[in-house]
PDB file of all heavy atoms in Angstrom:
ATOM      1  N   MET A   1      -5.955  -3.587   6.874  1.00  0.00           N
ATOM      2  CA  MET A   1      -6.573  -2.481   6.136  1.00  0.00           C
ATOM      3  C   MET A   1      -5.801  -1.202   6.449  1.00  0.00           C
ATOM      4  O   MET A   1      -5.537  -0.906   7.617  1.00  0.00           O
ATOM      5  CB  MET A   1      -8.044  -2.304   6.521  1.00  0.00           C
ATOM      6  CG  MET A   1      -8.736  -1.140   5.797  1.00  0.00           C
ATOM      7  SD  MET A   1     -10.452  -0.845   6.381  1.00  0.00           S
ATOM      8  CE  MET A   1     -11.284  -2.288   5.715  1.00  0.00           C
ATOM      9  N   VAL A   2      -5.431  -0.470   5.410  1.00  0.00           N
ATOM     10  CA  VAL A   2      -4.788   0.842   5.564  1.00  0.00           C
ATOM     11  C   VAL A   2      -5.701   1.877   4.924  1.00  0.00           C
ATOM     12  O   VAL A   2      -5.998   1.793   3.726  1.00  0.00           O
ATOM     13  CB  VAL A   2      -3.397   0.872   4.903  1.00  0.00           C
ATOM     14  CG1 VAL A   2      -2.803   2.283   4.996  1.00  0.00           C
ATOM     15  CG2 VAL A   2      -2.460  -0.137   5.553  1.00  0.00           C
ATOM     16  N   ILE A   3      -6.148   2.834   5.708  1.00  0.00           N
ATOM     17  CA  ILE A   3      -6.955   3.933   5.178  1.00  0.00           C
ATOM     18  C   ILE A   3      -6.092   5.176   5.188  1.00  0.00           C
ATOM     19  O   ILE A   3      -5.719   5.688   6.240  1.00  0.00           O
ATOM     20  CB  ILE A   3      -8.240   4.149   6.012  1.00  0.00           C
ATOM     21  CG1 ILE A   3      -9.074   2.869   6.044  1.00  0.00           C
ATOM     22  CG2 ILE A   3      -9.054   5.296   5.423  1.00  0.00           C
ATOM     23  CD1 ILE A   3     -10.376   2.998   6.824  1.00  0.00           C
ATOM     24  N   GLY A   4      -5.759   5.624   3.988  1.00  0.00           N
ATOM     25  CA  GLY A   4      -4.789   6.705   3.799  1.00  0.00           C
ATOM     26  C   GLY A   4      -3.480   6.109   3.313  1.00  0.00           C
ATOM     27  O   GLY A   4      -2.460   6.178   4.008  1.00  0.00           O
ATOM     28  N   GLY A   5      -3.510   5.497   2.131  1.00  0.00           N
ATOM     29  CA  GLY A   5      -2.332   4.793   1.615  1.00  0.00           C
ATOM     30  C   GLY A   5      -1.202   5.702   1.207  1.00  0.00           C
ATOM     31  O   GLY A   5      -0.039   5.302   1.212  1.00  0.00           O
ATOM     32  N   HIS A   6      -1.527   6.955   0.853  1.00  0.00           N
ATOM     33  CA  HIS A   6      -0.539   7.963   0.467  1.00  0.00           C
ATOM     34  C   HIS A   6       0.451   7.397  -0.563  1.00  0.00           C
ATOM     35  O   HIS A   6       0.041   6.925  -1.614  1.00  0.00           O
ATOM     36  CB  HIS A   6       0.158   8.524   1.704  1.00  0.00           C
ATOM     37  CG  HIS A   6      -0.808   9.065   2.709  1.00  0.00           C
ATOM     38  ND1 HIS A   6      -1.597  10.157   2.473  1.00  0.00           N
ATOM     39  CD2 HIS A   6      -1.141   8.637   3.963  1.00  0.00           C
ATOM     40  CE1 HIS A   6      -2.375  10.398   3.509  1.00  0.00           C
ATOM     41  NE2 HIS A   6      -2.116   9.480   4.428  1.00  0.00           N
ATOM     42  N   LYS A   7       1.745   7.392  -0.250  1.00  0.00           N
ATOM     43  CA  LYS A   7       2.742   6.923  -1.216  1.00  0.00           C
ATOM     44  C   LYS A   7       3.094   5.446  -1.029  1.00  0.00           C
ATOM     45  O   LYS A   7       4.031   4.940  -1.653  1.00  0.00           O
ATOM     46  CB  LYS A   7       4.011   7.765  -1.124  1.00  0.00           C
ATOM     47  CG  LYS A   7       3.783   9.235  -1.477  1.00  0.00           C
ATOM     48  CD  LYS A   7       5.049  10.059  -1.286  1.00  0.00           C
ATOM     49  CE  LYS A   7       4.775  11.529  -1.566  1.00  0.00           C
ATOM     50  NZ  LYS A   7       5.988  12.366  -1.337  1.00  0.00           N
ATOM     51  N   GLY A   8       2.369   4.764  -0.163  1.00  0.00           N
ATOM     52  CA  GLY A   8       2.532   3.315  -0.055  1.00  0.00           C
ATOM     53  C   GLY A   8       3.549   2.825   0.949  1.00  0.00           C
ATOM     54  O   GLY A   8       3.817   1.618   1.005  1.00  0.00           O
ATOM     55  N   TYR A   9       4.126   3.720   1.755  1.00  0.00           N
ATOM     56  CA  TYR A   9       5.169   3.325   2.703  1.00  0.00           C
ATOM     57  C   TYR A   9       4.661   2.287   3.699  1.00  0.00           C
ATOM     58  O   TYR A   9       5.290   1.238   3.910  1.00  0.00           O
ATOM     59  CB  TYR A   9       5.678   4.581   3.422  1.00  0.00           C
ATOM     60  CG  TYR A   9       6.740   4.335   4.476  1.00  0.00           C
ATOM     61  CD1 TYR A   9       8.075   4.152   4.117  1.00  0.00           C
ATOM     62  CD2 TYR A   9       6.422   4.326   5.834  1.00  0.00           C
ATOM     63  CE1 TYR A   9       9.056   3.950   5.082  1.00  0.00           C
ATOM     64  CE2 TYR A   9       7.402   4.134   6.805  1.00  0.00           C
ATOM     65  CZ  TYR A   9       8.714   3.942   6.422  1.00  0.00           C
ATOM     66  OH  TYR A   9       9.677   3.742   7.382  1.00  0.00           O
ATOM     67  N   TYR A  10       3.514   2.556   4.315  1.00  0.00           N
ATOM     68  CA  TYR A  10       3.000   1.627   5.313  1.00  0.00           C
ATOM     69  C   TYR A  10       2.383   0.358   4.714  1.00  0.00           C
ATOM     70  O   TYR A  10       2.608  -0.736   5.247  1.00  0.00           O
ATOM     71  CB  TYR A  10       2.030   2.330   6.252  1.00  0.00           C
ATOM     72  CG  TYR A  10       2.746   3.102   7.339  1.00  0.00           C
ATOM     73  CD1 TYR A  10       2.517   4.453   7.537  1.00  0.00           C
ATOM     74  CD2 TYR A  10       3.674   2.477   8.167  1.00  0.00           C
ATOM     75  CE1 TYR A  10       3.186   5.160   8.529  1.00  0.00           C
ATOM     76  CE2 TYR A  10       4.352   3.169   9.158  1.00  0.00           C
ATOM     77  CZ  TYR A  10       4.103   4.503   9.339  1.00  0.00           C
ATOM     78  OH  TYR A  10       4.778   5.193  10.320  1.00  0.00           O
ATOM     79  N   PRO A  11       1.605   0.427   3.651  1.00  0.00           N
ATOM     80  CA  PRO A  11       1.138  -0.829   3.051  1.00  0.00           C
ATOM     81  C   PRO A  11       2.283  -1.764   2.676  1.00  0.00           C
ATOM     82  O   PRO A  11       2.227  -2.972   2.939  1.00  0.00           O
ATOM     83  CB  PRO A  11       0.356  -0.364   1.816  1.00  0.00           C
ATOM     84  CG  PRO A  11      -0.133   0.991   2.183  1.00  0.00           C
ATOM     85  CD  PRO A  11       0.971   1.604   3.007  1.00  0.00           C
ATOM     86  N   ALA A  12       3.339  -1.197   2.093  1.00  0.00           N
ATOM     87  CA  ALA A  12       4.482  -2.022   1.696  1.00  0.00           C
ATOM     88  C   ALA A  12       5.230  -2.544   2.906  1.00  0.00           C
ATOM     89  O   ALA A  12       5.588  -3.724   2.983  1.00  0.00           O
ATOM     90  CB  ALA A  12       5.417  -1.220   0.793  1.00  0.00           C
ATOM     91  N   GLY A  13       5.479  -1.660   3.870  1.00  0.00           N
ATOM     92  CA  GLY A  13       6.227  -2.066   5.057  1.00  0.00           C
ATOM     93  C   GLY A  13       5.518  -3.148   5.844  1.00  0.00           C
ATOM     94  O   GLY A  13       6.135  -4.142   6.258  1.00  0.00           O
ATOM     95  N   LEU A  14       4.220  -2.979   6.048  1.00  0.00           N
ATOM     96  CA  LEU A  14       3.456  -3.969   6.798  1.00  0.00           C
ATOM     97  C   LEU A  14       3.302  -5.273   6.022  1.00  0.00           C
ATOM     98  O   LEU A  14       3.306  -6.357   6.609  1.00  0.00           O
ATOM     99  CB  LEU A  14       2.079  -3.398   7.159  1.00  0.00           C
ATOM    100  CG  LEU A  14       2.096  -2.249   8.170  1.00  0.00           C
ATOM    101  CD1 LEU A  14       0.723  -1.590   8.263  1.00  0.00           C
ATOM    102  CD2 LEU A  14       2.551  -2.742   9.542  1.00  0.00           C
ATOM    103  N   SER A  15       3.180  -5.175   4.702  1.00  0.00           N
ATOM    104  CA  SER A  15       3.104  -6.385   3.881  1.00  0.00           C
ATOM    105  C   SER A  15       4.396  -7.172   3.960  1.00  0.00           C
ATOM    106  O   SER A  15       4.399  -8.402   4.075  1.00  0.00           O
ATOM    107  CB  SER A  15       2.815  -6.023   2.415  1.00  0.00           C
ATOM    108  OG  SER A  15       1.500  -5.560   2.254  1.00  0.00           O
ATOM    109  N   ASN A  16       5.514  -6.461   3.909  1.00  0.00           N
ATOM    110  CA  ASN A  16       6.816  -7.121   3.948  1.00  0.00           C
ATOM    111  C   ASN A  16       7.104  -7.718   5.322  1.00  0.00           C
ATOM    112  O   ASN A  16       7.696  -8.795   5.434  1.00  0.00           O
ATOM    113  CB  ASN A  16       7.908  -6.115   3.585  1.00  0.00           C
ATOM    114  CG  ASN A  16       9.219  -6.777   3.232  1.00  0.00           C
ATOM    115  OD1 ASN A  16       9.280  -7.654   2.378  1.00  0.00           O
ATOM    116  ND2 ASN A  16      10.290  -6.381   3.901  1.00  0.00           N
ATOM    117  N   LEU A  17       6.668  -7.028   6.369  1.00  0.00           N
ATOM    118  CA  LEU A  17       6.930  -7.471   7.735  1.00  0.00           C
ATOM    119  C   LEU A  17       6.035  -8.632   8.155  1.00  0.00           C
ATOM    120  O   LEU A  17       6.503  -9.616   8.729  1.00  0.00           O
ATOM    121  CB  LEU A  17       6.729  -6.298   8.704  1.00  0.00           C
ATOM    122  CG  LEU A  17       6.925  -6.596  10.195  1.00  0.00           C
ATOM    123  CD1 LEU A  17       8.389  -6.925  10.487  1.00  0.00           C
ATOM    124  CD2 LEU A  17       6.469  -5.404  11.037  1.00  0.00           C
ATOM    125  N   LEU A  18       4.745  -8.530   7.855  1.00  0.00           N
ATOM    126  CA  LEU A  18       3.765  -9.474   8.395  1.00  0.00           C
ATOM    127  C   LEU A  18       3.277 -10.510   7.390  1.00  0.00           C
ATOM    128  O   LEU A  18       2.652 -11.498   7.779  1.00  0.00           O
ATOM    129  CB  LEU A  18       2.573  -8.691   8.955  1.00  0.00           C
ATOM    130  CG  LEU A  18       2.921  -7.706  10.082  1.00  0.00           C
ATOM    131  CD1 LEU A  18       1.711  -6.841  10.427  1.00  0.00           C
ATOM    132  CD2 LEU A  18       3.429  -8.441  11.315  1.00  0.00           C
ATOM    133  N   ARG A  19       3.523 -10.266   6.095  1.00  0.00           N
ATOM    134  CA  ARG A  19       3.093 -11.177   5.035  1.00  0.00           C
ATOM    135  C   ARG A  19       1.632 -11.599   5.190  1.00  0.00           C
ATOM    136  O   ARG A  19       1.299 -12.785   5.297  1.00  0.00           O
ATOM    137  CB  ARG A  19       4.011 -12.415   5.010  1.00  0.00           C
ATOM    138  CG  ARG A  19       5.460 -12.080   4.664  1.00  0.00           C
ATOM    139  CD  ARG A  19       5.598 -11.669   3.214  1.00  0.00           C
ATOM    140  NE  ARG A  19       6.866 -10.994   2.945  1.00  0.00           N
ATOM    141  CZ  ARG A  19       7.362 -10.815   1.699  1.00  0.00           C
ATOM    142  NH1 ARG A  19       6.700 -11.258   0.657  1.00  0.00           N
ATOM    143  NH2 ARG A  19       8.499 -10.174   1.535  1.00  0.00           N
ATOM    144  N   PRO A  20       0.717 -10.623   5.230  1.00  0.00           N
ATOM    145  CA  PRO A  20      -0.703 -10.949   5.392  1.00  0.00           C
ATOM    146  C   PRO A  20      -1.262 -11.626   4.149  1.00  0.00           C
ATOM    147  O   PRO A  20      -0.700 -11.528   3.055  1.00  0.00           O
ATOM    148  CB  PRO A  20      -1.355  -9.585   5.596  1.00  0.00           C
ATOM    149  CG  PRO A  20      -0.472  -8.653   4.833  1.00  0.00           C
ATOM    150  CD  PRO A  20       0.935  -9.178   5.039  1.00  0.00           C
ATOM    151  N   GLU A  21      -2.373 -12.291   4.336  1.00  0.00           N
ATOM    152  CA  GLU A  21      -3.058 -12.896   3.192  1.00  0.00           C
ATOM    153  C   GLU A  21      -3.748 -11.823   2.346  1.00  0.00           C
ATOM    154  O   GLU A  21      -3.860 -11.965   1.127  1.00  0.00           O
ATOM    155  CB  GLU A  21      -4.080 -13.913   3.685  1.00  0.00           C
ATOM    156  CG  GLU A  21      -3.450 -15.126   4.372  1.00  0.00           C
ATOM    157  CD  GLU A  21      -4.496 -16.085   4.916  1.00  0.00           C
ATOM    158  OE1 GLU A  21      -5.716 -15.810   4.742  1.00  0.00           O
ATOM    159  OE2 GLU A  21      -4.107 -17.104   5.507  1.00  0.00           O
ATOM    160  N   ASN A  22      -4.219 -10.757   3.013  1.00  0.00           N
ATOM    161  CA  ASN A  22      -4.911  -9.684   2.306  1.00  0.00           C
ATOM    162  C   ASN A  22      -4.471  -8.324   2.839  1.00  0.00           C
ATOM    163  O   ASN A  22      -4.398  -8.124   4.049  1.00  0.00           O
ATOM    164  CB  ASN A  22      -6.431  -9.811   2.490  1.00  0.00           C
ATOM    165  CG  ASN A  22      -6.994 -11.062   1.846  1.00  0.00           C
ATOM    166  OD1 ASN A  22      -7.051 -11.171   0.626  1.00  0.00           O
ATOM    167  ND2 ASN A  22      -7.412 -12.008   2.670  1.00  0.00           N
ATOM    168  N   MET A  23      -4.174  -7.428   1.920  1.00  0.00           N
ATOM    169  CA  MET A  23      -3.876  -6.040   2.255  1.00  0.00           C
ATOM    170  C   MET A  23      -4.884  -5.160   1.511  1.00  0.00           C
ATOM    171  O   MET A  23      -4.902  -5.116   0.272  1.00  0.00           O
ATOM    172  CB  MET A  23      -2.453  -5.670   1.840  1.00  0.00           C
ATOM    173  CG  MET A  23      -2.128  -4.180   1.922  1.00  0.00           C
ATOM    174  SD  MET A  23      -2.166  -3.484   3.595  1.00  0.00           S
ATOM    175  CE  MET A  23      -0.669  -4.191   4.289  1.00  0.00           C
ATOM    176  N   TYR A  24      -5.743  -4.482   2.262  1.00  0.00           N
ATOM    177  CA  TYR A  24      -6.749  -3.598   1.688  1.00  0.00           C
ATOM    178  C   TYR A  24      -6.281  -2.159   1.883  1.00  0.00           C
ATOM    179  O   TYR A  24      -6.021  -1.731   3.012  1.00  0.00           O
ATOM    180  CB  TYR A  24      -8.095  -3.795   2.378  1.00  0.00           C
ATOM    181  CG  TYR A  24      -8.599  -5.222   2.359  1.00  0.00           C
ATOM    182  CD1 TYR A  24      -8.399  -6.069   3.452  1.00  0.00           C
ATOM    183  CD2 TYR A  24      -9.285  -5.734   1.246  1.00  0.00           C
ATOM    184  CE1 TYR A  24      -8.861  -7.375   3.444  1.00  0.00           C
ATOM    185  CE2 TYR A  24      -9.751  -7.041   1.229  1.00  0.00           C
ATOM    186  CZ  TYR A  24      -9.533  -7.861   2.329  1.00  0.00           C
ATOM    187  OH  TYR A  24      -9.991  -9.161   2.312  1.00  0.00           O
ATOM    188  N   VAL A  25      -6.173  -1.420   0.775  1.00  0.00           N
ATOM    189  CA  VAL A  25      -5.633  -0.056   0.843  1.00  0.00           C
ATOM    190  C   VAL A  25      -6.638   0.930   0.259  1.00  0.00           C
ATOM    191  O   VAL A  25      -7.066   0.794  -0.891  1.00  0.00           O
ATOM    192  CB  VAL A  25      -4.300   0.062   0.077  1.00  0.00           C
ATOM    193  CG1 VAL A  25      -3.721   1.470   0.235  1.00  0.00           C
ATOM    194  CG2 VAL A  25      -3.302  -0.976   0.552  1.00  0.00           C
ATOM    195  N   PHE A  26      -7.005   1.931   1.074  1.00  0.00           N
ATOM    196  CA  PHE A  26      -7.880   3.007   0.631  1.00  0.00           C
ATOM    197  C   PHE A  26      -7.062   4.282   0.451  1.00  0.00           C
ATOM    198  O   PHE A  26      -6.276   4.645   1.322  1.00  0.00           O
ATOM    199  CB  PHE A  26      -8.973   3.267   1.674  1.00  0.00           C
ATOM    200  CG  PHE A  26     -10.017   2.188   1.765  1.00  0.00           C
ATOM    201  CD1 PHE A  26      -9.778   1.045   2.511  1.00  0.00           C
ATOM    202  CD2 PHE A  26     -11.234   2.319   1.094  1.00  0.00           C
ATOM    203  CE1 PHE A  26     -10.735   0.046   2.608  1.00  0.00           C
ATOM    204  CE2 PHE A  26     -12.192   1.331   1.187  1.00  0.00           C
ATOM    205  CZ  PHE A  26     -11.950   0.188   1.939  1.00  0.00           C
ATOM    206  N   GLU A  27      -7.265   4.966  -0.679  1.00  0.00           N
ATOM    207  CA  GLU A  27      -6.607   6.248  -0.917  1.00  0.00           C
ATOM    208  C   GLU A  27      -7.487   7.078  -1.858  1.00  0.00           C
ATOM    209  O   GLU A  27      -7.755   6.658  -2.992  1.00  0.00           O
ATOM    210  CB  GLU A  27      -5.222   6.055  -1.513  1.00  0.00           C
ATOM    211  CG  GLU A  27      -4.514   7.341  -1.906  1.00  0.00           C
ATOM    212  CD  GLU A  27      -4.512   8.382  -0.791  1.00  0.00           C
ATOM    213  OE1 GLU A  27      -4.006   8.073   0.308  1.00  0.00           O
ATOM    214  OE2 GLU A  27      -5.030   9.492  -1.014  1.00  0.00           O
ATOM    215  N   MET A  28      -7.929   8.222  -1.372  1.00  0.00           N
ATOM    216  CA  MET A  28      -8.839   9.065  -2.144  1.00  0.00           C
ATOM    217  C   MET A  28      -8.177   9.706  -3.360  1.00  0.00           C
ATOM    218  O   MET A  28      -8.813   9.898  -4.388  1.00  0.00           O
ATOM    219  CB  MET A  28      -9.418  10.163  -1.245  1.00  0.00           C
ATOM    220  CG  MET A  28     -10.363   9.660  -0.178  1.00  0.00           C
ATOM    221  SD  MET A  28     -11.007  11.016   0.863  1.00  0.00           S
ATOM    222  CE  MET A  28     -11.869  12.006  -0.362  1.00  0.00           C
ATOM    223  N   ASP A  29      -6.903  10.057  -3.235  1.00  0.00           N
ATOM    224  CA  ASP A  29      -6.197  10.762  -4.310  1.00  0.00           C
ATOM    225  C   ASP A  29      -5.660   9.743  -5.313  1.00  0.00           C
ATOM    226  O   ASP A  29      -4.712   9.009  -5.029  1.00  0.00           O
ATOM    227  CB  ASP A  29      -5.059  11.586  -3.713  1.00  0.00           C
ATOM    228  CG  ASP A  29      -4.427  12.517  -4.734  1.00  0.00           C
ATOM    229  OD1 ASP A  29      -4.565  12.276  -5.943  1.00  0.00           O
ATOM    230  OD2 ASP A  29      -3.776  13.497  -4.305  1.00  0.00           O
ATOM    231  N   SER A  30      -6.254   9.703  -6.491  1.00  0.00           N
ATOM    232  CA  SER A  30      -5.856   8.720  -7.506  1.00  0.00           C
ATOM    233  C   SER A  30      -4.425   8.907  -7.974  1.00  0.00           C
ATOM    234  O   SER A  30      -3.811   7.977  -8.515  1.00  0.00           O
ATOM    235  CB  SER A  30      -6.811   8.787  -8.708  1.00  0.00           C
ATOM    236  OG  SER A  30      -6.786  10.072  -9.303  1.00  0.00           O
ATOM    237  N   ASN A  31      -3.847  10.100  -7.762  1.00  0.00           N
ATOM    238  CA  ASN A  31      -2.462  10.340  -8.173  1.00  0.00           C
ATOM    239  C   ASN A  31      -1.472   9.499  -7.377  1.00  0.00           C
ATOM    240  O   ASN A  31      -0.348   9.263  -7.822  1.00  0.00           O
ATOM    241  CB  ASN A  31      -2.111  11.823  -7.993  1.00  0.00           C
ATOM    242  CG  ASN A  31      -2.870  12.715  -8.950  1.00  0.00           C
ATOM    243  OD1 ASN A  31      -3.047  12.387 -10.117  1.00  0.00           O
ATOM    244  ND2 ASN A  31      -3.346  13.845  -8.460  1.00  0.00           N
ATOM    245  N   PHE A  32      -1.890   9.053  -6.191  1.00  0.00           N
ATOM    246  CA  PHE A  32      -1.010   8.242  -5.359  1.00  0.00           C
ATOM    247  C   PHE A  32      -1.039   6.756  -5.735  1.00  0.00           C
ATOM    248  O   PHE A  32      -0.163   6.000  -5.306  1.00  0.00           O
ATOM    249  CB  PHE A  32      -1.391   8.375  -3.884  1.00  0.00           C
ATOM    250  CG  PHE A  32      -0.967   9.669  -3.248  1.00  0.00           C
ATOM    251  CD1 PHE A  32      -1.875  10.441  -2.537  1.00  0.00           C
ATOM    252  CD2 PHE A  32       0.332  10.121  -3.364  1.00  0.00           C
ATOM    253  CE1 PHE A  32      -1.491  11.632  -1.948  1.00  0.00           C
ATOM    254  CE2 PHE A  32       0.729  11.313  -2.782  1.00  0.00           C
ATOM    255  CZ  PHE A  32      -0.184  12.074  -2.068  1.00  0.00           C
ATOM    256  N   GLN A  33      -2.034   6.341  -6.521  1.00  0.00           N
ATOM    257  CA  GLN A  33      -2.196   4.914  -6.793  1.00  0.00           C
ATOM    258  C   GLN A  33      -0.966   4.272  -7.454  1.00  0.00           C
ATOM    259  O   GLN A  33      -0.529   3.193  -7.037  1.00  0.00           O
ATOM    260  CB  GLN A  33      -3.429   4.673  -7.653  1.00  0.00           C
ATOM    261  CG  GLN A  33      -3.904   3.230  -7.664  1.00  0.00           C
ATOM    262  CD  GLN A  33      -4.269   2.735  -6.278  1.00  0.00           C
ATOM    263  OE1 GLN A  33      -5.122   3.316  -5.611  1.00  0.00           O
ATOM    264  NE2 GLN A  33      -3.618   1.680  -5.820  1.00  0.00           N
ATOM    265  N   PRO A  34      -0.365   4.897  -8.472  1.00  0.00           N
ATOM    266  CA  PRO A  34       0.846   4.299  -9.053  1.00  0.00           C
ATOM    267  C   PRO A  34       1.989   4.167  -8.051  1.00  0.00           C
ATOM    268  O   PRO A  34       2.778   3.224  -8.116  1.00  0.00           O
ATOM    269  CB  PRO A  34       1.224   5.265 -10.190  1.00  0.00           C
ATOM    270  CG  PRO A  34      -0.042   5.987 -10.511  1.00  0.00           C
ATOM    271  CD  PRO A  34      -0.772   6.123  -9.204  1.00  0.00           C
ATOM    272  N   LEU A  35       2.081   5.116  -7.108  1.00  0.00           N
ATOM    273  CA  LEU A  35       3.128   5.063  -6.095  1.00  0.00           C
ATOM    274  C   LEU A  35       2.874   3.913  -5.117  1.00  0.00           C
ATOM    275  O   LEU A  35       3.799   3.184  -4.741  1.00  0.00           O
ATOM    276  CB  LEU A  35       3.204   6.387  -5.336  1.00  0.00           C
ATOM    277  CG  LEU A  35       3.404   7.650  -6.194  1.00  0.00           C
ATOM    278  CD1 LEU A  35       3.504   8.879  -5.292  1.00  0.00           C
ATOM    279  CD2 LEU A  35       4.648   7.521  -7.065  1.00  0.00           C
ATOM    280  N   ILE A  36       1.625   3.740  -4.718  1.00  0.00           N
ATOM    281  CA  ILE A  36       1.263   2.642  -3.821  1.00  0.00           C
ATOM    282  C   ILE A  36       1.580   1.298  -4.467  1.00  0.00           C
ATOM    283  O   ILE A  36       2.176   0.413  -3.846  1.00  0.00           O
ATOM    284  CB  ILE A  36      -0.238   2.722  -3.459  1.00  0.00           C
ATOM    285  CG1 ILE A  36      -0.519   3.969  -2.614  1.00  0.00           C
ATOM    286  CG2 ILE A  36      -0.680   1.471  -2.713  1.00  0.00           C
ATOM    287  CD1 ILE A  36      -1.992   4.261  -2.412  1.00  0.00           C
ATOM    288  N   ASP A  37       1.209   1.157  -5.723  1.00  0.00           N
ATOM    289  CA  ASP A  37       1.415  -0.118  -6.428  1.00  0.00           C
ATOM    290  C   ASP A  37       2.880  -0.394  -6.747  1.00  0.00           C
ATOM    291  O   ASP A  37       3.265  -1.553  -6.940  1.00  0.00           O
ATOM    292  CB  ASP A  37       0.611  -0.127  -7.738  1.00  0.00           C
ATOM    293  CG  ASP A  37      -0.892  -0.158  -7.504  1.00  0.00           C
ATOM    294  OD1 ASP A  37      -1.311  -0.608  -6.417  1.00  0.00           O
ATOM    295  OD2 ASP A  37      -1.645   0.273  -8.394  1.00  0.00           O
ATOM    296  N   SER A  38       3.697   0.670  -6.812  1.00  0.00           N
ATOM    297  CA  SER A  38       5.083   0.503  -7.268  1.00  0.00           C
ATOM    298  C   SER A  38       5.924  -0.362  -6.336  1.00  0.00           C
ATOM    299  O   SER A  38       6.944  -0.925  -6.745  1.00  0.00           O
ATOM    300  CB  SER A  38       5.749   1.880  -7.429  1.00  0.00           C
ATOM    301  OG  SER A  38       5.922   2.519  -6.171  1.00  0.00           O
ATOM    302  N   TRP A  39       5.526  -0.489  -5.081  1.00  0.00           N
ATOM    303  CA  TRP A  39       6.293  -1.283  -4.114  1.00  0.00           C
ATOM    304  C   TRP A  39       6.127  -2.793  -4.330  1.00  0.00           C
ATOM    305  O   TRP A  39       6.973  -3.575  -3.902  1.00  0.00           O
ATOM    306  CB  TRP A  39       5.836  -0.963  -2.695  1.00  0.00           C
ATOM    307  CG  TRP A  39       6.038   0.428  -2.221  1.00  0.00           C
ATOM    308  CD1 TRP A  39       5.206   1.496  -2.438  1.00  0.00           C
ATOM    309  CD2 TRP A  39       7.114   0.931  -1.426  1.00  0.00           C
ATOM    310  NE1 TRP A  39       5.694   2.623  -1.823  1.00  0.00           N
ATOM    311  CE2 TRP A  39       6.868   2.300  -1.190  1.00  0.00           C
ATOM    312  CE3 TRP A  39       8.253   0.338  -0.870  1.00  0.00           C
ATOM    313  CZ2 TRP A  39       7.722   3.098  -0.431  1.00  0.00           C
ATOM    314  CZ3 TRP A  39       9.106   1.127  -0.106  1.00  0.00           C
ATOM    315  CH2 TRP A  39       8.845   2.493   0.100  1.00  0.00           C
ATOM    316  N   VAL A  40       5.041  -3.193  -4.950  1.00  0.00           N
ATOM    317  CA  VAL A  40       4.644  -4.605  -4.950  1.00  0.00           C
ATOM    318  C   VAL A  40       5.626  -5.487  -5.702  1.00  0.00           C
ATOM    319  O   VAL A  40       6.175  -6.453  -5.153  1.00  0.00           O
ATOM    320  CB  VAL A  40       3.218  -4.763  -5.513  1.00  0.00           C
ATOM    321  CG1 VAL A  40       2.862  -6.240  -5.667  1.00  0.00           C
ATOM    322  CG2 VAL A  40       2.209  -4.068  -4.611  1.00  0.00           C
ATOM    323  N   GLU A  41       5.859  -5.187  -6.972  1.00  0.00           N
ATOM    324  CA  GLU A  41       6.680  -6.075  -7.801  1.00  0.00           C
ATOM    325  C   GLU A  41       8.132  -6.117  -7.348  1.00  0.00           C
ATOM    326  O   GLU A  41       8.729  -7.202  -7.243  1.00  0.00           O
ATOM    327  CB  GLU A  41       6.613  -5.640  -9.262  1.00  0.00           C
ATOM    328  CG  GLU A  41       7.357  -6.581 -10.198  1.00  0.00           C
ATOM    329  CD  GLU A  41       7.188  -6.219 -11.659  1.00  0.00           C
ATOM    330  OE1 GLU A  41       6.413  -5.285 -11.967  1.00  0.00           O
ATOM    331  OE2 GLU A  41       7.844  -6.865 -12.511  1.00  0.00           O
ATOM    332  N   VAL A  42       8.726  -4.956  -7.025  1.00  0.00           N
ATOM    333  CA  VAL A  42      10.150  -4.932  -6.675  1.00  0.00           C
ATOM    334  C   VAL A  42      10.429  -5.618  -5.345  1.00  0.00           C
ATOM    335  O   VAL A  42      11.566  -6.005  -5.061  1.00  0.00           O
ATOM    336  CB  VAL A  42      10.704  -3.486  -6.631  1.00  0.00           C
ATOM    337  CG1 VAL A  42      10.662  -2.864  -8.011  1.00  0.00           C
ATOM    338  CG2 VAL A  42       9.950  -2.634  -5.617  1.00  0.00           C
TER     339      VAL A  42
END
């Protein structure tokens, strides 16, 4: 779980490093959501 996803650096980094089954990301500012998601597909 990441609380404070911001631009997605840590959710992406930890997902790539640890390959968890579930990554839960909280971010209050909806403007950051496209940035957080942008790491996934590439």
